[in-house]
C-alpha atoms as a PDB file:
ATOM      1  CA  MET A   1      -2.582  -7.039   7.992  1.00  0.00           C
ATOM      2  CA  LYS A   2      -2.327  -8.928  10.944  1.00  0.00           C
ATOM      3  CA  LYS A   3       0.336 -11.188   9.369  1.00  0.00           C
ATOM      4  CA  ILE A   4       2.358  -7.996   8.302  1.00  0.00           C
ATOM      5  CA  LEU A   5       1.992  -6.611  12.056  1.00  0.00           C
ATOM      6  CA  HIS A   6       3.202  -9.865  13.489  1.00  0.00           C
ATOM      7  CA  TYR A   7       5.849 -10.089  10.995  1.00  0.00           C
ATOM      8  CA  LEU A   8       7.041  -6.636  11.871  1.00  0.00           C
ATOM      9  CA  TYR A   9       6.946  -7.485  15.479  1.00  0.00           C
ATOM     10  CA  PHE A  10       9.102 -10.469  14.969  1.00  0.00           C
ATOM     11  CA  VAL A  11      11.654  -8.487  13.092  1.00  0.00           C
ATOM     12  CA  ALA A  12      11.660  -5.642  15.919  1.00  0.00           C
ATOM     13  CA  LEU A  13      12.343  -8.537  18.588  1.00  0.00           C
ATOM     14  CA  VAL A  14      15.008  -9.949  16.402  1.00  0.00           C
ATOM     15  CA  PHE A  15      16.610  -6.584  15.973  1.00  0.00           C
ATOM     16  CA  LEU A  16      16.507  -5.981  19.634  1.00  0.00           C
ATOM     17  CA  PHE A  17      18.067  -9.187  20.309  1.00  0.00           C
ATOM     18  CA  PHE A  18      21.139  -8.763  18.114  1.00  0.00           C
ATOM     19  CA  ALA A  19      21.456  -5.001  18.939  1.00  0.00           C
ATOM     20  CA  CYS A  20      21.801  -5.978  22.740  1.00  0.00           C
ATOM     21  CA  ARG A  21      24.336  -8.685  22.052  1.00  0.00           C
ATOM     22  CA  ASN A  22      27.546  -7.928  23.657  1.00  0.00           C
ATOM     23  CA  GLU A  23      30.382  -8.691  21.457  1.00  0.00           C
ATOM     24  CA  ARG A  24      33.006  -8.568  24.176  1.00  0.00           C
ATOM     25  CA  LEU A  25      31.553 -11.578  25.707  1.00  0.00           C
ATOM     26  CA  SER A  26      31.742 -13.702  22.701  1.00  0.00           C
ATOM     27  CA  ILE A  27      34.731 -15.934  23.437  1.00  0.00           C
ATOM     28  CA  ASP A  28      35.818 -19.231  22.312  1.00  0.00           C
ATOM     29  CA  VAL A  29      35.431 -21.896  25.017  1.00  0.00           C
ATOM     30  CA  SER A  30      35.265 -24.931  23.185  1.00  0.00           C
ATOM     31  CA  GLY A  31      38.632 -26.018  24.337  1.00  0.00           C
ATOM     32  CA  ILE A  32      37.705 -25.868  27.994  1.00  0.00           C
ATOM     33  CA  GLU A  33      36.499 -28.846  30.096  1.00  0.00           C
ATOM     34  CA  ALA A  34      33.529 -28.347  32.310  1.00  0.00           C
ATOM     35  CA  ASP A  35      32.583 -31.988  33.502  1.00  0.00           C
ATOM     36  CA  LEU A  36      29.529 -31.300  35.909  1.00  0.00           C
ATOM     37  CA  ASP A  37      28.437 -33.896  38.474  1.00  0.00           C
ATOM     38  CA  ILE A  38      24.549 -33.389  38.498  1.00  0.00           C
ATOM     39  CA  VAL A  39      22.792 -35.353  41.044  1.00  0.00           C
ATOM     40  CA  ARG A  40      18.923 -35.946  40.077  1.00  0.00           C
ATOM     41  CA  LEU A  41      17.992 -35.875  43.892  1.00  0.00           C
ATOM     42  CA  GLU A  42      14.125 -35.913  42.805  1.00  0.00           C
ATOM     43  CA  GLN A  43      14.796 -39.366  40.953  1.00  0.00           C
ATOM     44  CA  LYS A  44      16.170 -40.949  44.094  1.00  0.00           C
ATOM     45  CA  LEU A  45      13.583 -39.489  46.683  1.00  0.00           C
ATOM     46  CA  PHE A  46      10.566 -40.349  44.673  1.00  0.00           C
ATOM     47  CA  GLU A  47      11.726 -43.990  43.606  1.00  0.00           C
ATOM     48  CA  LYS A  48       8.753 -46.084  43.780  1.00  0.00           C
ATOM     49  CA  ASP A  49      10.819 -49.495  44.609  1.00  0.00           C
ATOM     50  CA  SER A  50      11.141 -49.450  48.508  1.00  0.00           C
ATOM     51  CA  VAL A  51      14.740 -51.297  48.205  1.00  0.00           C
ATOM     52  CA  ARG A  52      15.990 -49.090  45.689  1.00  0.00           C
ATOM     53  CA  PHE A  53      14.658 -45.927  47.886  1.00  0.00           C
ATOM     54  CA  ARG A  54      16.376 -47.396  51.044  1.00  0.00           C
ATOM     55  CA  ASN A  55      19.790 -47.674  48.967  1.00  0.00           C
ATOM     56  CA  ASN A  56      19.244 -44.195  47.695  1.00  0.00           C
ATOM     57  CA  MET A  57      18.681 -42.704  51.083  1.00  0.00           C
ATOM     58  CA  ASN A  58      21.858 -44.669  52.421  1.00  0.00           C
ATOM     59  CA  GLU A  59      24.049 -43.170  49.498  1.00  0.00           C
ATOM     60  CA  LEU A  60      22.618 -39.475  49.990  1.00  0.00           C
ATOM     61  CA  MET A  61      23.411 -39.732  53.864  1.00  0.00           C
ATOM     62  CA  ALA A  62      26.797 -41.023  53.036  1.00  0.00           C
ATOM     63  CA  SER A  63      27.954 -38.948  50.003  1.00  0.00           C
ATOM     64  CA  HIS A  64      25.812 -35.858  50.062  1.00  0.00           C
ATOM     65  CA  TYR A  65      25.018 -35.328  53.785  1.00  0.00           C
ATOM     66  CA  ASP A  66      25.948 -31.519  54.083  1.00  0.00           C
ATOM     67  CA  PHE A  67      23.601 -30.739  51.087  1.00  0.00           C
ATOM     68  CA  PHE A  68      21.010 -33.090  52.086  1.00  0.00           C
ATOM     69  CA  GLU A  69      20.808 -31.449  55.547  1.00  0.00           C
ATOM     70  CA  THR A  70      20.470 -27.873  53.879  1.00  0.00           C
ATOM     71  CA  TYR A  71      17.737 -29.272  51.510  1.00  0.00           C
ATOM     72  CA  THR A  72      15.712 -30.780  54.313  1.00  0.00           C
ATOM     73  CA  ALA A  73      16.132 -28.347  57.153  1.00  0.00           C
ATOM     74  CA  TYR A  74      16.105 -24.920  55.265  1.00  0.00           C
ATOM     75  CA  VAL A  75      14.154 -25.759  51.846  1.00  0.00           C
ATOM     76  CA  LEU A  76      11.625 -28.395  52.903  1.00  0.00           C
ATOM     77  CA  ASN A  77      11.325 -27.120  56.439  1.00  0.00           C
ATOM     78  CA  ILE A  78      11.272 -30.720  57.873  1.00  0.00           C
ATOM     79  CA  GLY A  79      14.308 -30.751  59.876  1.00  0.00           C
ATOM     80  CA  PRO A  80      17.885 -32.278  59.654  1.00  0.00           C
ATOM     81  CA  PRO A  81      18.476 -35.829  59.036  1.00  0.00           C
ATOM     82  CA  ASP A  82      19.670 -36.127  62.744  1.00  0.00           C
ATOM     83  CA  HIS A  83      16.416 -34.966  64.052  1.00  0.00           C
ATOM     84  CA  PRO A  84      14.400 -37.752  65.949  1.00  0.00           C
ATOM     85  CA  GLU A  85      11.263 -37.398  63.656  1.00  0.00           C
ATOM     86  CA  PHE A  86      13.074 -36.870  60.311  1.00  0.00           C
ATOM     87  CA  ALA A  87      12.109 -40.274  58.820  1.00  0.00           C
ATOM     88  CA  SER A  88       8.451 -39.611  59.421  1.00  0.00           C
ATOM     89  CA  HIS A  89       8.584 -35.975  58.270  1.00  0.00           C
ATOM     90  CA  LEU A  90      10.339 -36.935  55.128  1.00  0.00           C
ATOM     91  CA  HIS A  91       7.954 -39.748  54.390  1.00  0.00           C
ATOM     92  CA  ALA A  92       4.915 -37.341  54.892  1.00  0.00           C
ATOM     93  CA  PHE A  93       6.553 -35.120  52.204  1.00  0.00           C
ATOM     94  CA  ILE A  94       7.187 -37.750  49.782  1.00  0.00           C
ATOM     95  CA  THR A  95       3.728 -39.258  50.236  1.00  0.00           C
ATOM     96  CA  ASP A  96       1.843 -36.106  50.348  1.00  0.00           C
ATOM     97  CA  THR A  97      -0.717 -36.328  47.529  1.00  0.00           C
ATOM     98  CA  VAL A  98      -0.143 -33.039  45.956  1.00  0.00           C
ATOM     99  CA  ILE A  99       3.875 -33.472  46.166  1.00  0.00           C
ATOM    100  CA  ALA A 100       3.188 -36.849  44.694  1.00  0.00           C
ATOM    101  CA  ARG A 101       1.493 -35.540  41.732  1.00  0.00           C
ATOM    102  CA  VAL A 102       4.065 -32.776  41.187  1.00  0.00           C
ATOM    103  CA  ALA A 103       6.896 -35.226  41.422  1.00  0.00           C
ATOM    104  CA  ASP A 104       5.271 -37.430  38.755  1.00  0.00           C
ATOM    105  CA  SER A 105       5.021 -34.089  36.515  1.00  0.00           C
ATOM    106  CA  VAL A 106       8.510 -33.220  37.114  1.00  0.00           C
ATOM    107  CA  LEU A 107       9.800 -36.726  36.548  1.00  0.00           C
ATOM    108  CA  TYR A 108       8.086 -36.710  33.217  1.00  0.00           C
ATOM    109  CA  LEU A 109       8.845 -33.234  32.199  1.00  0.00           C
ATOM    110  CA  PHE A 110      12.618 -33.395  32.929  1.00  0.00           C
ATOM    111  CA  SER A 111      12.877 -37.149  32.167  1.00  0.00           C
ATOM    112  CA  ASP A 112      15.473 -36.115  29.782  1.00  0.00           C
ATOM    113  CA  PHE A 113      17.654 -33.485  31.234  1.00  0.00           C
ATOM    114  CA  SER A 114      20.405 -33.638  28.683  1.00  0.00           C
ATOM    115  CA  PRO A 115      19.359 -30.053  26.903  1.00  0.00           C
ATOM    116  CA  TRP A 116      19.654 -28.279  30.340  1.00  0.00           C
ATOM    117  CA  GLU A 117      22.894 -30.172  31.190  1.00  0.00           C
ATOM    118  CA  LYS A 118      24.506 -29.087  27.831  1.00  0.00           C
ATOM    119  CA  MET A 119      23.358 -25.393  28.522  1.00  0.00           C
ATOM    120  CA  LEU A 120      24.740 -25.597  32.222  1.00  0.00           C
ATOM    121  CA  GLU A 121      28.229 -27.142  30.879  1.00  0.00           C
ATOM    122  CA  GLU A 122      28.337 -24.186  28.282  1.00  0.00           C
ATOM    123  CA  GLY A 123      27.925 -21.757  30.971  1.00  0.00           C
ATOM    124  CA  PHE A 124      30.494 -23.285  33.260  1.00  0.00           C
ATOM    125  CA  ARG A 125      32.840 -23.486  30.444  1.00  0.00           C
ATOM    126  CA  HIS A 126      32.750 -19.660  30.366  1.00  0.00           C
ATOM    127  CA  TYR A 127      33.145 -19.745  34.193  1.00  0.00           C
ATOM    128  CA  ALA A 128      36.294 -21.717  34.196  1.00  0.00           C
ATOM    129  CA  TRP A 129      37.597 -19.356  31.488  1.00  0.00           C
ATOM    130  CA  TYR A 130      36.995 -16.302  33.364  1.00  0.00           C
ATOM    131  CA  PHE A 131      37.833 -17.818  36.927  1.00  0.00           C
ATOM    132  CA  PRO A 132      40.505 -20.407  36.188  1.00  0.00           C
ATOM    133  CA  GLY A 133      41.256 -22.616  39.120  1.00  0.00           C
ATOM    134  CA  LYS A 134      37.902 -22.218  40.484  1.00  0.00           C
ATOM    135  CA  THR A 135      36.301 -25.563  41.459  1.00  0.00           C
ATOM    136  CA  LEU A 136      32.980 -26.154  39.768  1.00  0.00           C
ATOM    137  CA  PRO A 137      30.065 -26.527  42.038  1.00  0.00           C
ATOM    138  CA  GLN A 138      28.140 -29.881  42.610  1.00  0.00           C
ATOM    139  CA  ILE A 139      24.696 -29.551  40.880  1.00  0.00           C
ATOM    140  CA  TYR A 140      21.386 -30.938  42.223  1.00  0.00           C
ATOM    141  CA  THR A 141      18.121 -31.087  40.968  1.00  0.00           C
ATOM    142  CA  CYS A 142      15.168 -31.592  43.402  1.00  0.00           C
ATOM    143  CA  ILE A 143      11.630 -30.708  44.195  1.00  0.00           C
ATOM    144  CA  SER A 144      11.426 -27.862  46.576  1.00  0.00           C
ATOM    145  CA  GLY A 145       7.868 -27.873  47.523  1.00  0.00           C
ATOM    146  CA  PHE A 146       7.370 -24.761  45.657  1.00  0.00           C
ATOM    147  CA  ASN A 147       9.830 -23.077  48.094  1.00  0.00           C
ATOM    148  CA  GLU A 148      13.028 -22.070  45.949  1.00  0.00           C
ATOM    149  CA  SER A 149      13.964 -21.894  42.420  1.00  0.00           C
ATOM    150  CA  ILE A 150      17.600 -22.037  43.015  1.00  0.00           C
ATOM    151  CA  PHE A 151      19.552 -22.346  46.404  1.00  0.00           C
ATOM    152  CA  THR A 152      23.105 -22.783  47.402  1.00  0.00           C
ATOM    153  CA  SER A 153      25.041 -24.652  49.809  1.00  0.00           C
ATOM    154  CA  GLY A 154      28.848 -24.635  50.523  1.00  0.00           C
ATOM    155  CA  ASN A 155      30.210 -25.538  46.823  1.00  0.00           C
ATOM    156  CA  SER A 156      26.904 -26.818  45.473  1.00  0.00           C
ATOM    157  CA  ALA A 157      23.830 -25.373  43.681  1.00  0.00           C
ATOM    158  CA  ALA A 158      20.480 -26.694  43.311  1.00  0.00           C
ATOM    159  CA  ILE A 159      17.426 -26.250  41.008  1.00  0.00           C
ATOM    160  CA  GLY A 160      13.981 -26.778  42.392  1.00  0.00           C
ATOM    161  CA  LEU A 161      12.591 -28.302  39.086  1.00  0.00           C
ATOM    162  CA  ASP A 162       8.887 -27.673  40.413  1.00  0.00           C
ATOM    163  CA  LYS A 163       9.543 -23.936  39.872  1.00  0.00           C
ATOM    164  CA  TYR A 164      10.279 -24.198  36.217  1.00  0.00           C
ATOM    165  CA  MET A 165       7.421 -26.493  34.926  1.00  0.00           C
ATOM    166  CA  GLY A 166       6.158 -23.647  32.334  1.00  0.00           C
ATOM    167  CA  SER A 167       4.113 -20.640  32.785  1.00  0.00           C
ATOM    168  CA  ASP A 168       0.613 -22.281  32.315  1.00  0.00           C
ATOM    169  CA  CYS A 169       1.559 -25.114  34.968  1.00  0.00           C
ATOM    170  CA  ILE A 170      -1.859 -25.965  36.521  1.00  0.00           C
ATOM    171  CA  PHE A 171      -0.214 -26.138  40.038  1.00  0.00           C
ATOM    172  CA  TYR A 172       0.794 -22.438  39.959  1.00  0.00           C
ATOM    173  CA  ARG A 173      -2.895 -21.486  39.278  1.00  0.00           C
ATOM    174  CA  TYR A 174      -3.994 -23.665  42.097  1.00  0.00           C
ATOM    175  CA  LEU A 175      -1.203 -21.963  44.421  1.00  0.00           C
ATOM    176  CA  GLY A 176      -2.548 -18.552  43.077  1.00  0.00           C
ATOM    177  CA  ILE A 177       1.013 -17.554  41.961  1.00  0.00           C
ATOM    178  CA  PRO A 178       0.782 -13.996  40.172  1.00  0.00           C
ATOM    179  CA  ARG A 179       1.317 -14.128  36.418  1.00  0.00           C
ATOM    180  CA  TYR A 180       4.427 -11.637  36.574  1.00  0.00           C
ATOM    181  CA  LYS A 181       5.992 -14.474  38.749  1.00  0.00           C
ATOM    182  CA  THR A 182       4.820 -17.243  36.412  1.00  0.00           C
ATOM    183  CA  GLN A 183       6.135 -15.711  33.265  1.00  0.00           C
ATOM    184  CA  LYS A 184       9.540 -16.540  34.665  1.00  0.00           C
ATOM    185  CA  MET A 185       8.807 -20.151  35.645  1.00  0.00           C
ATOM    186  CA  TYR A 186       9.780 -22.178  32.538  1.00  0.00           C
ATOM    187  CA  PRO A 187      12.484 -24.519  32.004  1.00  0.00           C
ATOM    188  CA  ARG A 188      14.910 -22.263  29.804  1.00  0.00           C
ATOM    189  CA  LYS A 189      15.019 -19.931  32.479  1.00  0.00           C
ATOM    190  CA  MET A 190      16.704 -22.259  35.196  1.00  0.00           C
ATOM    191  CA  VAL A 191      20.254 -21.737  33.802  1.00  0.00           C
ATOM    192  CA  SER A 192      20.497 -17.877  34.055  1.00  0.00           C
ATOM    193  CA  ASP A 193      18.652 -18.075  37.258  1.00  0.00           C
ATOM    194  CA  LEU A 194      21.466 -20.438  38.513  1.00  0.00           C
ATOM    195  CA  PHE A 195      24.168 -18.351  37.568  1.00  0.00           C
ATOM    196  CA  PHE A 196      22.575 -15.231  39.045  1.00  0.00           C
ATOM    197  CA  SER A 197      22.332 -16.777  42.138  1.00  0.00           C
ATOM    198  CA  LEU A 198      25.850 -18.148  41.966  1.00  0.00           C
ATOM    199  CA  PHE A 199      26.800 -14.562  41.672  1.00  0.00           C
ATOM    200  CA  ILE A 200      25.099 -13.534  44.832  1.00  0.00           C
ATOM    201  CA  THR A 201      26.742 -16.455  46.589  1.00  0.00           C
ATOM    202  CA  LEU A 202      30.392 -15.894  45.336  1.00  0.00           C
ATOM    203  CA  PHE A 203      30.280 -12.057  45.724  1.00  0.00           C
ATOM    204  CA  PRO A 204      27.977 -10.903  48.467  1.00  0.00           C
ATOM    205  CA  TYR A 205      27.044  -7.298  48.640  1.00  0.00           C
ATOM    206  CA  GLN A 206      29.790  -5.298  50.213  1.00  0.00           C
ATOM    207  CA  GLU A 207      29.044  -1.751  49.453  1.00  0.00           C
ATOM    208  CA  PRO A 208      29.696   0.740  52.018  1.00  0.00           C
ATOM    209  CA  VAL A 209      26.451   2.724  51.759  1.00  0.00           C
ATOM    210  CA  ASP A 210      23.131   0.741  51.051  1.00  0.00           C
ATOM    211  CA  HIS A 211      21.588   3.172  48.692  1.00  0.00           C
ATOM    212  CA  LEU A 212      19.361   2.690  45.622  1.00  0.00           C
ATOM    213  CA  LEU A 213      22.593   3.302  43.092  1.00  0.00           C
ATOM    214  CA  ALA A 214      24.685   0.715  45.144  1.00  0.00           C
ATOM    215  CA  ASN A 215      21.915  -1.786  44.853  1.00  0.00           C
ATOM    216  CA  MET A 216      21.317  -1.145  41.206  1.00  0.00           C
ATOM    217  CA  ILE A 217      24.881  -1.666  40.182  1.00  0.00           C
ATOM    218  CA  TYR A 218      25.489  -4.624  42.414  1.00  0.00           C
ATOM    219  CA  LEU A 219      22.475  -6.449  40.771  1.00  0.00           C
ATOM    220  CA  GLY A 220      23.702  -4.900  37.440  1.00  0.00           C
ATOM    221  CA  LYS A 221      27.067  -6.761  38.176  1.00  0.00           C
ATOM    222  CA  ALA A 222      25.040 -10.057  38.856  1.00  0.00           C
ATOM    223  CA  LEU A 223      23.156  -9.587  35.590  1.00  0.00           C
ATOM    224  CA  TYR A 224      26.470  -8.973  33.583  1.00  0.00           C
ATOM    225  CA  PHE A 225      28.062 -11.812  35.235  1.00  0.00           C
ATOM    226  CA  THR A 226      25.216 -14.034  34.280  1.00  0.00           C
ATOM    227  CA  GLU A 227      25.393 -12.636  30.624  1.00  0.00           C
ATOM    228  CA  ALA A 228      29.080 -13.634  30.587  1.00  0.00           C
ATOM    229  CA  MET A 229      28.382 -17.136  31.652  1.00  0.00           C
ATOM    230  CA  CYS A 230      25.405 -17.361  29.004  1.00  0.00           C
ATOM    231  CA  PRO A 231      26.481 -15.007  26.195  1.00  0.00           C
ATOM    232  CA  ASP A 232      24.103 -16.683  23.630  1.00  0.00           C
ATOM    233  CA  LEU A 233      20.986 -16.195  25.534  1.00  0.00           C
ATOM    234  CA  PRO A 234      18.632 -13.446  24.538  1.00  0.00           C
ATOM    235  CA  ASP A 235      18.038 -10.479  27.283  1.00  0.00           C
ATOM    236  CA  THR A 236      14.547 -11.950  27.950  1.00  0.00           C
ATOM    237  CA  LEU A 237      16.066 -15.196  29.353  1.00  0.00           C
ATOM    238  CA  LEU A 238      18.750 -13.087  31.412  1.00  0.00           C
ATOM    239  CA  THR A 239      16.162 -10.638  32.880  1.00  0.00           C
ATOM    240  CA  GLY A 240      12.941 -12.701  32.758  1.00  0.00           C
ATOM    241  CA  PHE A 241      11.109  -9.782  30.790  1.00  0.00           C
ATOM    242  CA  THR A 242       8.666 -10.423  28.052  1.00  0.00           C
ATOM    243  CA  GLY A 243       9.889  -9.069  24.571  1.00  0.00           C
ATOM    244  CA  GLN A 244       7.503  -6.134  25.143  1.00  0.00           C
ATOM    245  CA  GLN A 245       8.877  -5.229  28.444  1.00  0.00           C
ATOM    246  CA  SER A 246      12.483  -5.205  27.156  1.00  0.00           C
ATOM    247  CA  GLU A 247      11.502  -3.097  24.300  1.00  0.00           C
ATOM    248  CA  TRP A 248       9.748  -0.593  26.876  1.00  0.00           C
ATOM    249  CA  CYS A 249      12.880  -0.488  28.911  1.00  0.00           C
ATOM    250  CA  ALA A 250      15.111   0.113  25.671  1.00  0.00           C
ATOM    251  CA  ALA A 251      12.576   2.877  24.545  1.00  0.00           C
ATOM    252  CA  ASN A 252      12.417   4.546  28.086  1.00  0.00           C
ATOM    253  CA  GLU A 253      15.852   4.158  29.452  1.00  0.00           C
ATOM    254  CA  GLU A 254      16.823   7.929  29.280  1.00  0.00           C
ATOM    255  CA  ALA A 255      13.375   8.791  30.826  1.00  0.00           C
ATOM    256  CA  MET A 256      13.811   6.384  33.712  1.00  0.00           C
ATOM    257  CA  TRP A 257      17.421   7.618  34.395  1.00  0.00           C
ATOM    258  CA  THR A 258      16.555  11.201  34.346  1.00  0.00           C
ATOM    259  CA  TYR A 259      13.533  10.665  36.766  1.00  0.00           C
ATOM    260  CA  LEU A 260      15.831   8.634  39.315  1.00  0.00           C
ATOM    261  CA  ALA A 261      18.356  11.597  39.033  1.00  0.00           C
ATOM    262  CA  GLU A 262      16.077  14.467  39.185  1.00  0.00           C
ATOM    263  CA  GLN A 263      13.960  13.186  42.022  1.00  0.00           C
ATOM    264  CA  ARG A 264      17.457  12.332  43.847  1.00  0.00           C
ATOM    265  CA  LEU A 265      16.606   8.886  44.461  1.00  0.00           C
ATOM    266  CA  LEU A 266      19.918   7.279  43.403  1.00  0.00           C
ATOM    267  CA  TYR A 267      21.346   7.776  46.968  1.00  0.00           C
ATOM    268  CA  ASP A 268      18.109   7.268  48.887  1.00  0.00           C
ATOM    269  CA  THR A 269      18.606   4.754  51.432  1.00  0.00           C
ATOM    270  CA  GLU A 270      14.992   4.122  52.376  1.00  0.00           C
ATOM    271  CA  ARG A 271      14.359   0.323  52.029  1.00  0.00           C
ATOM    272  CA  LEU A 272      11.098   1.112  50.406  1.00  0.00           C
ATOM    273  CA  THR A 273      12.621   2.983  47.367  1.00  0.00           C
ATOM    274  CA  VAL A 274      15.302   0.383  46.935  1.00  0.00           C
ATOM    275  CA  GLN A 275      12.686  -2.300  46.746  1.00  0.00           C
ATOM    276  CA  ARG A 276      10.345  -0.315  44.491  1.00  0.00           C
ATOM    277  CA  TYR A 277      13.063  -0.262  41.649  1.00  0.00           C
ATOM    278  CA  THR A 278      14.974  -3.489  42.470  1.00  0.00           C
ATOM    279  CA  GLY A 279      12.311  -5.792  43.792  1.00  0.00           C
ATOM    280  CA  ASP A 280      10.117  -8.313  41.949  1.00  0.00           C
ATOM    281  CA  ALA A 281       6.876  -6.707  40.781  1.00  0.00           C
ATOM    282  CA  PRO A 282       4.084  -6.850  38.225  1.00  0.00           C
ATOM    283  CA  PHE A 283       5.427  -3.197  36.880  1.00  0.00           C
ATOM    284  CA  THR A 284       7.401  -0.276  38.407  1.00  0.00           C
ATOM    285  CA  SER A 285       4.778   1.916  39.907  1.00  0.00           C
ATOM    286  CA  THR A 286       6.337   5.343  39.337  1.00  0.00           C
ATOM    287  CA  PHE A 287       6.809   4.630  35.688  1.00  0.00           C
ATOM    288  CA  SER A 288       4.132   2.917  33.677  1.00  0.00           C
ATOM    289  CA  ASP A 289       2.002  -0.297  34.024  1.00  0.00           C
ATOM    290  CA  GLN A 290       3.697  -1.194  30.711  1.00  0.00           C
ATOM    291  CA  SER A 291       7.078  -1.337  32.845  1.00  0.00           C
ATOM    292  CA  PRO A 292       8.414  -4.597  34.169  1.00  0.00           C
ATOM    293  CA  GLY A 293       9.467  -4.764  37.633  1.00  0.00           C
ATOM    294  CA  ARG A 294      13.074  -4.486  38.467  1.00  0.00           C
ATOM    295  CA  THR A 295      13.554  -1.375  36.209  1.00  0.00           C
ATOM    296  CA  GLY A 296      16.429  -0.368  38.319  1.00  0.00           C
ATOM    297  CA  VAL A 297      18.099  -3.748  38.122  1.00  0.00           C
ATOM    298  CA  TRP A 298      17.987  -3.301  34.194  1.00  0.00           C
ATOM    299  CA  LEU A 299      19.309   0.345  34.468  1.00  0.00           C
ATOM    300  CA  GLY A 300      22.146  -0.916  36.801  1.00  0.00           C
ATOM    301  CA  TRP A 301      23.091  -3.705  34.212  1.00  0.00           C
ATOM    302  CA  GLN A 302      23.445  -0.843  31.364  1.00  0.00           C
ATOM    303  CA  ILE A 303      25.557   1.079  33.588  1.00  0.00           C
ATOM    304  CA  VAL A 304      27.804  -1.983  34.009  1.00  0.00           C
ATOM    305  CA  ARG A 305      27.799  -2.666  30.304  1.00  0.00           C
ATOM    306  CA  SER A 306      28.789   0.823  29.468  1.00  0.00           C
ATOM    307  CA  PHE A 307      31.835   0.547  32.014  1.00  0.00           C
ATOM    308  CA  MET A 308      32.910  -2.754  30.641  1.00  0.00           C
ATOM    309  CA  ASN A 309      32.801  -1.530  27.015  1.00  0.00           C
ATOM    310  CA  GLN A 310      34.731   1.761  28.109  1.00  0.00           C
ATOM    311  CA  HIS A 311      37.417  -0.438  29.902  1.00  0.00           C
ATOM    312  CA  PRO A 312      38.580  -3.501  27.924  1.00  0.00           C
ATOM    313  CA  GLU A 313      41.469  -3.754  30.060  1.00  0.00           C
ATOM    314  CA  VAL A 314      39.437  -4.377  33.184  1.00  0.00           C
ATOM    315  CA  SER A 315      38.643  -8.203  33.781  1.00  0.00           C
ATOM    316  CA  LEU A 316      35.175  -9.502  34.897  1.00  0.00           C
ATOM    317  CA  GLN A 317      36.607 -10.428  38.317  1.00  0.00           C
ATOM    318  CA  ALA A 318      38.254  -6.966  38.608  1.00  0.00           C
ATOM    319  CA  MET A 319      35.168  -5.230  37.716  1.00  0.00           C
ATOM    320  CA  ILE A 320      33.063  -7.091  40.391  1.00  0.00           C
ATOM    321  CA  GLU A 321      35.580  -7.012  43.074  1.00  0.00           C
ATOM    322  CA  ALA A 322      37.609  -3.566  42.741  1.00  0.00           C
ATOM    323  CA  TYR A 323      34.957  -1.057  41.710  1.00  0.00           C
ATOM    324  CA  ASP A 324      32.337   0.287  44.148  1.00  0.00           C
ATOM    325  CA  ALA A 325      29.213   1.652  42.570  1.00  0.00           C
ATOM    326  CA  GLN A 326      30.258   5.247  42.708  1.00  0.00           C
ATOM    327  CA  THR A 327      33.582   4.634  40.972  1.00  0.00           C
ATOM    328  CA  LEU A 328      31.892   2.525  38.514  1.00  0.00           C
ATOM    329  CA  LEU A 329      29.247   4.832  37.519  1.00  0.00           C
ATOM    330  CA  ALA A 330      31.768   7.640  37.259  1.00  0.00           C
ATOM    331  CA  GLN A 331      33.973   5.914  35.045  1.00  0.00           C
ATOM    332  CA  SER A 332      31.313   4.177  32.908  1.00  0.00           C
ATOM    333  CA  GLY A 333      30.612   6.951  30.511  1.00  0.00           C
ATOM    334  CA  TYR A 334      26.926   5.944  31.036  1.00  0.00           C
ATOM    335  CA  ASN A 335      24.707   8.522  29.164  1.00  0.00           C
ATOM    336  CA  PRO A 336      21.492   7.185  27.905  1.00  0.00           C
ATOM    337  CA  ASP A 337      19.772   9.352  25.151  1.00  0.00           C
END
């Protein structure tokens, strides 16, 4: 009986994945070049050989100063390279007992970065197709001291590999990171996280009114952008939800939308209301402990999907830049039932 139930659950997940695939985003990018320049910063910083380490530092200072300044000042919080005590602060970080163990684990786990490089290149082929002429960002990998998963600086984006070591990573348990966060801290999640963060950098929030609906649709646009860059990824990798949480959202979409509308929450400008439905959390407190957090973002994504399906003539960039939340909702034909 257990085998039958497991089989049926697997079939349900497969059906959910293919049912949610967006055919509009299935485009051929095989002829598009996306030559990414990926700098493995953690390999350079945690080089054991002192001569090679000095050479690496000289190269970083000469070729990547602006990014390195952001990394050390705002991610590691040890100050910029021109700080009088920078060298001693950097040395203390690199030789810290825990960080050194983390670095060893990261260097082992990601010794071969080619699988993730291929996924990133595929994503940036889609980016080049949708935004021709745009310069591709410089990509860095690094150890963030568990401070950042993804961060951007100018025309560069960085991945904190120590935030993608696997949901059951022992360091996360030592740090007491809650399960609803660690369930998203595994290697395959880094690619969708990078494109989601890239959207936030490229298209900052500009809605005239800061209410719940505006935040839902803005972040829904970010998810749709991520989906457009990574159309072959399952929804769970885009949202960070488990399969069960994704199923819960699909089954309760109408009830969630009806609740927000009837309780007049869509145009609520209270920060706590916005956070309750768009912020990371173990579940959405007004719905069910079976629900994920960020259900408002998921609903915003469904509204954007509905709009784009209704308007095949509207480009991705036009949807992002030319349609405010209220106009997009009004023209989306969104009606969950």
